Amino acid sequence: MAESHVIIRNLSKSFGKTKVLDDISLEIEKGSFTTLLGPSGCGKTTLLRTIAGFYEVEKGEVSIGNRVVNTVPSHLRNAVMVFQDYALFPHMNIRENITYGLRIRKTPAEEIERKLEKTVSYLDIKNLLDRTPGEISGGQQQRVALARALIMEPEVLLLDEPLSNLDAKLRVSIRAELRQIQQNLKITTIYVTHDQAEALAMSDTIAIMKNGKIMQVGSPSDVYYRPDNAFVASFVGTVNFIEGTVKTSSEEKVEVEANGSLITVREKPADRQIRAPRPGEKITLSIRPESIKMLENEPEDENSFRGTIKNYIFEGSSIRYWVNALGRELIVDVFNPPENALHAGDICFRIDSARIHLIFQES
């Protein structure tokens, strides 16, 4: 069993009369990449800053490496934070920016040079050392801010939306580099973002937050394919919700009636929620757009239906369709489409019965 490195127990925090963190508990494994994901104002940055020691703990407990750090000053926690705006010193060159923390610690010059050489080699920024922040690009500034944190050899690396100031293409490139560096160094990393694709691509574990509470903690595939509730399902990627009534329920399958049609769910029992759905119970089906396949022939087998294409968007490697079917509008993603892909009219499609997730409506 993996060792927990950062442990949050029953943490609450308010600003005035507004409760920003509401009885949060979370365990973060040593050497893992954990993302705090949620909409603006959900409390994710407040949680990160509380771990860093910038905010006092009102209620609950924060532990780093088996040490309760509630009253430990931020500079003694060995948890270093990279901010959204990078906060580089404009009057210092890149070498001085990166080594600033070590110089404040009065680290010997030889040790500073050794650590600098190792750190800049990770990030391929050795050629920037004599420049100033105003003379380098946004992507290079992001690497410098990361280097300034890594050179301190922290126990925990805290990242507050560090890619948000970069353009979309550069963000994809930098996040791949950042993930590779984290895996090579095996440093416990806590990352804050509201970008679902970023969280899915980079994380070992995702903690999804809403209104100061954690809604679900799990692997990227868990929160994507097995969301605990409708909020998680809709926040982590695009999803189709179909409301229905359970007709039959067994270990092998669940049959749900929706708008006069029968939909079969063959989600593995181990993947289901704690209890089995009951016949007659209202339930919500969570279906991802890629779990629906266009058919060339008339529907004949399980979960095959007819529909009408109402709109589409061509995205190069895929086409996203909006299809009227089952009494509602479904989103269907077709990957690697042929050039003559169907763009309008009546169609047949099949929903993968093993890729439908059941959400109890009281959750």
Protein backbone atom coordinates (compact mmCIF):
# COMPACT_ATOMS: atom_id res chain seq x y z
CA MET A 1 0.00 0.00 0.00
CA ALA A 2 1.32 3.44 -0.98
CA GLU A 3 2.44 5.82 1.75
CA SER A 4 0.36 8.96 2.34
CA HIS A 5 2.57 12.06 2.22
CA VAL A 6 0.08 14.92 2.64
CA ILE A 7 -2.97 14.32 4.84
CA ILE A 8 -5.86 16.76 5.23
CA ARG A 9 -8.32 16.00 8.02
CA ASN A 10 -11.65 17.78 8.51
CA LEU A 11 -10.28 21.08 7.24
CA SER A 12 -12.57 24.13 7.26
CA LYS A 13 -11.82 27.74 6.35
CA SER A 14 -13.97 30.86 6.17
CA PHE A 15 -13.43 34.41 4.99
CA GLY A 16 -15.82 36.53 7.01
CA LYS A 17 -19.20 34.83 6.84
CA THR A 18 -18.33 32.86 3.69
CA LYS A 19 -17.25 29.26 4.25
CA VAL A 20 -14.67 28.47 1.56
CA LEU A 21 -13.54 25.02 2.76
CA ASP A 22 -16.16 22.80 4.38
CA ASP A 23 -14.85 19.83 6.41
CA ILE A 24 -12.42 18.58 3.75
CA SER A 25 -10.47 15.34 4.20
CA LEU A 26 -7.96 14.11 1.63
CA GLU A 27 -4.88 11.84 1.58
CA ILE A 28 -2.21 12.36 -1.08
CA GLU A 29 0.24 9.56 -1.85
CA LYS A 30 3.98 10.11 -1.74
CA GLY A 31 5.42 10.79 -5.19
CA SER A 32 2.00 11.17 -6.83
CA PHE A 33 0.55 13.89 -9.02
CA THR A 34 -2.77 14.97 -7.51
CA THR A 35 -5.00 17.59 -9.12
CA LEU A 36 -7.57 19.73 -7.33
CA LEU A 37 -10.18 20.31 -10.04
CA GLY A 38 -13.28 22.45 -9.91
CA PRO A 39 -15.01 25.63 -11.09
CA SER A 40 -13.94 29.11 -10.02
CA GLY A 41 -14.73 29.81 -6.38
CA CYS A 42 -14.92 26.14 -5.32
CA GLY A 43 -12.04 26.49 -2.81
CA LYS A 44 -9.24 24.68 -4.62
CA THR A 45 -6.72 27.55 -4.46
CA THR A 46 -7.63 28.22 -0.82
CA LEU A 47 -6.91 24.57 -0.05
CA LEU A 48 -3.56 24.76 -1.84
CA ARG A 49 -2.58 27.95 -0.01
CA THR A 50 -3.58 26.42 3.32
CA ILE A 51 -1.31 23.44 2.64
CA ALA A 52 1.46 25.90 1.75
CA GLY A 53 0.95 27.80 5.01
CA PHE A 54 -0.23 31.09 3.54
CA TYR A 55 -3.58 30.75 5.33
CA GLU A 56 -4.07 29.74 8.94
CA VAL A 57 -5.94 26.54 9.73
CA GLU A 58 -9.20 27.43 11.50
CA LYS A 59 -10.43 23.89 12.02
CA GLY A 60 -8.92 20.53 11.16
CA GLU A 61 -5.39 19.38 10.48
CA VAL A 62 -2.74 19.49 7.75
CA SER A 63 0.12 16.96 7.88
CA ILE A 64 3.17 16.73 5.61
CA GLY A 65 5.40 13.70 6.00
CA ASN A 66 3.88 12.56 9.31
CA ARG A 67 4.30 16.06 10.78
CA VAL A 68 1.30 18.22 11.66
CA VAL A 69 2.11 21.64 10.17
CA ASN A 70 -0.91 23.71 11.31
CA THR A 71 1.32 26.20 13.16
CA VAL A 72 4.51 25.74 11.12
CA PRO A 73 5.42 28.86 9.08
CA SER A 74 5.25 28.45 5.30
CA HIS A 75 9.04 28.73 4.79
CA LEU A 76 9.63 25.81 7.18
CA ARG A 77 7.11 23.38 5.63
CA ASN A 78 9.34 22.37 2.71
CA ALA A 79 6.34 22.78 0.43
CA VAL A 80 7.14 25.18 -2.41
CA MET A 81 4.47 26.92 -4.48
CA VAL A 82 4.54 28.03 -8.13
CA PHE A 83 2.05 30.84 -8.70
CA GLN A 84 -0.18 31.55 -11.67
CA ASP A 85 1.69 34.76 -12.55
CA TYR A 86 5.16 33.21 -11.95
CA ALA A 87 6.21 36.20 -9.73
CA LEU A 88 9.71 36.51 -11.26
CA PHE A 89 11.85 39.45 -10.17
CA PRO A 90 12.16 41.74 -13.22
CA HIS A 91 15.41 43.40 -12.02
CA MET A 92 17.23 40.04 -11.66
CA ASN A 93 18.52 37.82 -14.43
CA ILE A 94 17.29 34.25 -14.74
CA ARG A 95 20.25 32.81 -12.83
CA GLU A 96 19.52 35.15 -9.90
CA ASN A 97 15.80 34.39 -10.02
CA ILE A 98 16.31 30.63 -9.90
CA THR A 99 18.90 30.72 -7.10
CA TYR A 100 17.19 33.40 -5.00
CA GLY A 101 15.82 31.00 -2.38
CA LEU A 102 19.16 29.24 -1.93
CA ARG A 103 20.96 32.57 -1.54
CA ILE A 104 18.46 33.65 1.13
CA ARG A 105 19.28 30.39 2.93
CA LYS A 106 22.98 31.30 2.64
CA THR A 107 23.72 28.09 0.79
CA PRO A 108 27.43 27.79 -0.17
CA ALA A 109 28.21 29.02 -3.69
CA GLU A 110 29.55 25.66 -4.88
CA GLU A 111 26.35 23.91 -3.80
CA ILE A 112 24.22 26.57 -5.50
CA GLU A 113 26.08 26.03 -8.77
CA ARG A 114 25.73 22.26 -8.53
CA LYS A 115 21.99 22.46 -7.89
CA LEU A 116 21.54 25.11 -10.60
CA GLU A 117 23.30 22.95 -13.19
CA LYS A 118 21.13 19.94 -12.34
CA THR A 119 17.87 21.91 -12.28
CA VAL A 120 18.31 23.80 -15.56
CA SER A 121 19.24 20.53 -17.28
CA TYR A 122 15.79 19.13 -16.37
CA LEU A 123 14.09 22.10 -18.00
CA ASP A 124 16.46 22.88 -20.88
CA ILE A 125 16.89 26.56 -19.94
CA LYS A 126 20.67 26.78 -19.49
CA ASN A 127 20.91 29.23 -22.40
CA LEU A 128 18.56 31.69 -20.61
CA LEU A 129 20.55 32.24 -17.42
CA ASP A 130 21.96 35.66 -18.35
CA ARG A 131 18.70 37.09 -19.66
CA THR A 132 16.01 38.95 -17.69
CA PRO A 133 12.35 37.86 -17.40
CA GLY A 134 11.32 40.57 -19.87
CA GLU A 135 13.58 39.05 -22.52
CA ILE A 136 12.05 35.56 -22.54
CA SER A 137 8.71 34.10 -23.63
CA GLY A 138 5.78 33.07 -21.45
CA GLY A 139 6.63 29.39 -21.81
CA GLN A 140 10.23 30.07 -20.81
CA GLN A 141 9.06 32.12 -17.81
CA GLN A 142 6.96 29.16 -16.72
CA ARG A 143 10.03 26.91 -16.85
CA VAL A 144 12.06 29.44 -14.84
CA ALA A 145 9.37 29.64 -12.14
CA LEU A 146 9.33 25.85 -11.96
CA ALA A 147 13.14 25.75 -11.78
CA ARG A 148 13.10 28.24 -8.89
CA ALA A 149 10.80 25.88 -6.99
CA LEU A 150 12.60 22.62 -7.88
CA ILE A 151 16.06 23.92 -6.95
CA MET A 152 14.86 24.12 -3.34
CA GLU A 153 14.34 20.33 -3.39
CA PRO A 154 10.95 20.54 -1.69
CA GLU A 155 9.07 17.61 -0.20
CA VAL A 156 5.90 18.84 -1.87
CA LEU A 157 5.47 20.91 -5.04
CA LEU A 158 2.33 23.08 -5.16
CA LEU A 159 1.20 24.45 -8.54
CA ASP A 160 -1.57 27.04 -8.80
CA GLU A 161 -2.82 27.05 -12.41
CA PRO A 162 0.73 27.61 -13.72
CA LEU A 163 -0.23 27.12 -17.38
CA SER A 164 -3.22 29.44 -17.53
CA ASN A 165 -1.27 32.34 -19.08
CA LEU A 166 0.00 30.26 -22.01
CA ASP A 167 -1.66 29.76 -25.39
CA ALA A 168 -3.48 26.47 -26.00
CA LYS A 169 -0.78 24.76 -28.08
CA LEU A 170 2.00 25.67 -25.67
CA ARG A 171 -0.08 24.50 -22.70
CA VAL A 172 -0.32 21.01 -24.20
CA SER A 173 3.44 20.91 -24.77
CA ILE A 174 4.38 22.25 -21.32
CA ARG A 175 1.98 19.99 -19.42
CA ALA A 176 3.60 16.94 -21.04
CA GLU A 177 7.04 18.22 -19.98
CA LEU A 178 5.83 18.98 -16.47
CA ARG A 179 4.34 15.52 -16.06
CA GLN A 180 7.56 13.89 -17.29
CA ILE A 181 9.68 15.92 -14.87
CA GLN A 182 7.38 15.03 -11.97
CA GLN A 183 7.58 11.34 -12.80
CA ASN A 184 11.38 11.46 -13.11
CA LEU A 185 11.83 13.26 -9.80
CA LYS A 186 9.06 11.34 -7.98
CA ILE A 187 8.12 14.52 -6.15
CA THR A 188 4.72 14.75 -4.46
CA THR A 189 2.84 17.31 -6.54
CA ILE A 190 -0.50 19.04 -5.92
CA TYR A 191 -1.84 20.91 -8.93
CA VAL A 192 -4.78 23.31 -9.13
CA THR A 193 -6.74 23.81 -12.34
CA HIS A 194 -10.25 24.29 -13.71
CA ASP A 195 -9.22 22.68 -17.01
CA GLN A 196 -10.66 19.15 -17.19
CA ALA A 197 -8.44 18.02 -20.08
CA GLU A 198 -5.36 19.16 -18.18
CA ALA A 199 -6.41 17.22 -15.09
CA LEU A 200 -7.18 14.04 -17.03
CA ALA A 201 -3.90 14.18 -18.96
CA MET A 202 -1.53 14.85 -16.05
CA SER A 203 -2.90 13.30 -12.88
CA ASP A 204 -2.54 10.09 -10.94
CA THR A 205 -5.45 11.22 -8.76
CA ILE A 206 -8.10 13.92 -9.20
CA ALA A 207 -10.05 15.50 -6.34
CA ILE A 208 -13.11 17.27 -7.73
CA MET A 209 -14.39 20.18 -5.66
CA LYS A 210 -17.63 22.16 -5.50
CA ASN A 211 -18.70 24.81 -2.99
CA GLY A 212 -15.85 24.06 -0.60
CA LYS A 213 -16.45 20.30 -0.56
CA ILE A 214 -14.76 17.35 -2.26
CA MET A 215 -17.30 15.62 -4.48
CA GLN A 216 -15.14 12.67 -5.59
CA VAL A 217 -11.54 11.46 -5.40
CA GLY A 218 -10.28 8.93 -7.91
CA SER A 219 -8.09 8.14 -10.90
CA PRO A 220 -8.77 10.00 -14.17
CA SER A 221 -10.62 6.97 -15.56
CA ASP A 222 -12.68 6.62 -12.37
CA VAL A 223 -13.97 10.19 -12.35
CA TYR A 224 -14.53 10.13 -16.12
CA TYR A 225 -16.27 6.78 -16.55
CA ARG A 226 -17.61 6.17 -13.01
CA PRO A 227 -18.66 9.57 -11.62
CA ASP A 228 -20.28 9.54 -8.19
CA ASN A 229 -22.90 12.12 -9.16
CA ALA A 230 -24.22 14.25 -12.00
CA PHE A 231 -22.02 17.22 -11.12
CA VAL A 232 -18.82 15.19 -11.50
CA ALA A 233 -20.07 13.60 -14.73
CA SER A 234 -20.90 16.96 -16.32
CA PHE A 235 -17.83 18.80 -15.06
CA VAL A 236 -15.30 16.21 -16.22
CA GLY A 237 -15.84 16.26 -19.96
CA THR A 238 -18.96 16.15 -22.12
CA VAL A 239 -21.72 13.75 -21.12
CA ASN A 240 -25.21 12.66 -22.13
CA PHE A 241 -27.73 12.20 -19.33
CA ILE A 242 -30.77 10.01 -19.94
CA GLU A 243 -33.43 9.77 -17.24
CA GLY A 244 -35.23 6.46 -16.95
CA THR A 245 -36.88 3.84 -14.75
CA VAL A 246 -35.26 0.53 -13.78
CA LYS A 247 -37.23 -2.39 -15.25
CA THR A 248 -34.99 -5.31 -14.25
CA SER A 249 -31.79 -5.57 -12.21
CA SER A 250 -29.30 -8.45 -11.89
CA GLU A 251 -25.57 -9.08 -11.55
CA GLU A 252 -25.25 -9.35 -15.33
CA LYS A 253 -27.27 -6.36 -16.44
CA VAL A 254 -29.73 -3.61 -15.61
CA GLU A 255 -32.55 -2.74 -18.01
CA VAL A 256 -33.80 0.84 -17.98
CA GLU A 257 -36.88 2.18 -19.75
CA ALA A 258 -36.39 5.65 -21.19
CA ASN A 259 -39.00 7.39 -23.32
CA GLY A 260 -40.52 4.09 -24.40
CA SER A 261 -37.21 2.42 -25.27
CA LEU A 262 -35.28 -0.20 -23.30
CA ILE A 263 -31.60 0.51 -22.62
CA THR A 264 -29.38 -2.30 -21.31
CA VAL A 265 -26.53 -1.49 -18.93
CA ARG A 266 -23.77 -4.07 -18.52
CA GLU A 267 -21.49 -2.09 -16.22
CA LYS A 268 -19.35 -4.53 -14.23
CA PRO A 269 -20.76 -5.10 -10.73
CA ALA A 270 -17.43 -4.04 -9.20
CA ASP A 271 -17.75 -0.69 -10.99
CA ARG A 272 -21.26 0.04 -9.74
CA GLN A 273 -22.26 2.12 -6.79
CA ILE A 274 -22.54 0.47 -3.35
CA ARG A 275 -26.07 -0.87 -3.80
CA ALA A 276 -27.84 -2.41 -6.78
CA PRO A 277 -30.62 -0.39 -8.45
CA ARG A 278 -34.16 -1.54 -7.67
CA PRO A 279 -36.93 -2.22 -10.22
CA GLY A 280 -39.21 0.82 -10.44
CA GLU A 281 -36.49 3.18 -9.25
CA LYS A 282 -35.80 6.41 -11.14
CA ILE A 283 -32.22 6.50 -12.34
CA THR A 284 -29.89 8.59 -14.52
CA LEU A 285 -27.72 7.06 -17.24
CA SER A 286 -24.36 8.76 -17.82
CA ILE A 287 -23.10 8.16 -21.36
CA ARG A 288 -19.98 9.70 -22.89
CA PRO A 289 -20.20 10.83 -26.56
CA GLU A 290 -17.51 8.36 -27.67
CA SER A 291 -19.52 5.45 -26.19
CA ILE A 292 -22.10 5.87 -28.97
CA LYS A 293 -21.28 4.38 -32.38
CA MET A 294 -22.87 5.26 -35.71
CA LEU A 295 -24.19 2.21 -37.60
CA GLU A 296 -24.27 1.58 -41.34
CA ASN A 297 -27.24 -0.79 -41.15
CA GLU A 298 -30.67 -0.77 -39.50
CA PRO A 299 -30.61 -1.34 -35.72
CA GLU A 300 -31.10 -4.99 -34.81
CA ASP A 301 -29.24 -5.78 -31.60
CA GLU A 302 -29.00 -4.51 -28.01
CA ASN A 303 -29.05 -0.73 -27.48
CA SER A 304 -29.44 0.07 -31.18
CA PHE A 305 -31.72 2.99 -32.01
CA ARG A 306 -32.69 5.46 -34.71
CA GLY A 307 -32.14 9.20 -34.61
CA THR A 308 -31.84 12.36 -36.70
CA ILE A 309 -28.72 14.50 -37.03
CA LYS A 310 -29.53 18.11 -36.20
CA ASN A 311 -26.06 19.66 -36.21
CA TYR A 312 -22.36 18.80 -36.39
CA ILE A 313 -18.88 20.27 -35.95
CA PHE A 314 -15.87 18.98 -37.91
CA GLU A 315 -12.77 19.00 -35.67
CA GLY A 316 -10.23 17.31 -37.94
CA SER A 317 -9.62 14.04 -36.13
CA SER A 318 -13.27 13.80 -35.13
CA ILE A 319 -16.80 14.97 -35.88
CA ARG A 320 -19.18 15.89 -33.08
CA TYR A 321 -22.83 15.30 -33.90
CA TRP A 322 -25.99 16.46 -32.14
CA VAL A 323 -28.61 13.77 -32.67
CA ASN A 324 -32.31 13.83 -31.78
CA ALA A 325 -33.12 10.41 -30.31
CA LEU A 326 -34.71 8.75 -27.28
CA GLY A 327 -36.76 11.87 -26.64
CA ARG A 328 -33.78 14.19 -26.25
CA GLU A 329 -30.63 15.51 -27.95
CA LEU A 330 -27.56 13.27 -27.74
CA ILE A 331 -23.96 14.27 -28.43
CA VAL A 332 -22.05 11.67 -30.46
CA ASP A 333 -18.31 11.80 -31.22
CA VAL A 334 -17.01 9.95 -34.27
CA PHE A 335 -13.21 9.66 -34.42
CA ASN A 336 -11.12 9.31 -37.55
CA PRO A 337 -14.18 9.99 -39.74
CA PRO A 338 -14.08 9.29 -43.49
CA GLU A 339 -14.21 12.32 -45.79
CA ASN A 340 -17.73 11.40 -46.85
CA ALA A 341 -18.99 11.08 -43.27
CA LEU A 342 -22.73 11.61 -42.86
CA HIS A 343 -23.54 15.20 -41.85
CA ALA A 344 -27.33 15.27 -41.93
CA GLY A 345 -30.45 13.13 -41.99
CA ASP A 346 -31.66 9.99 -40.28
CA ILE A 347 -29.13 7.61 -38.77
CA CYS A 348 -28.85 4.44 -36.68
CA PHE A 349 -26.57 4.18 -33.67
CA ARG A 350 -25.62 1.84 -30.84
CA ILE A 351 -24.80 2.68 -27.22
CA ASP A 352 -22.06 0.50 -25.72
CA SER A 353 -23.84 -1.26 -22.84
CA ALA A 354 -20.56 -1.70 -20.93
CA ARG A 355 -19.81 2.03 -21.06
CA ILE A 356 -23.03 3.29 -19.48
CA HIS A 357 -22.76 4.41 -15.85
CA LEU A 358 -25.68 4.42 -13.43
CA ILE A 359 -26.17 7.49 -11.23
CA PHE A 360 -28.74 7.29 -8.44
CA GLN A 361 -30.91 10.38 -8.54
CA GLU A 362 -30.64 11.04 -4.82
CA SER A 363 -26.86 11.42 -5.07
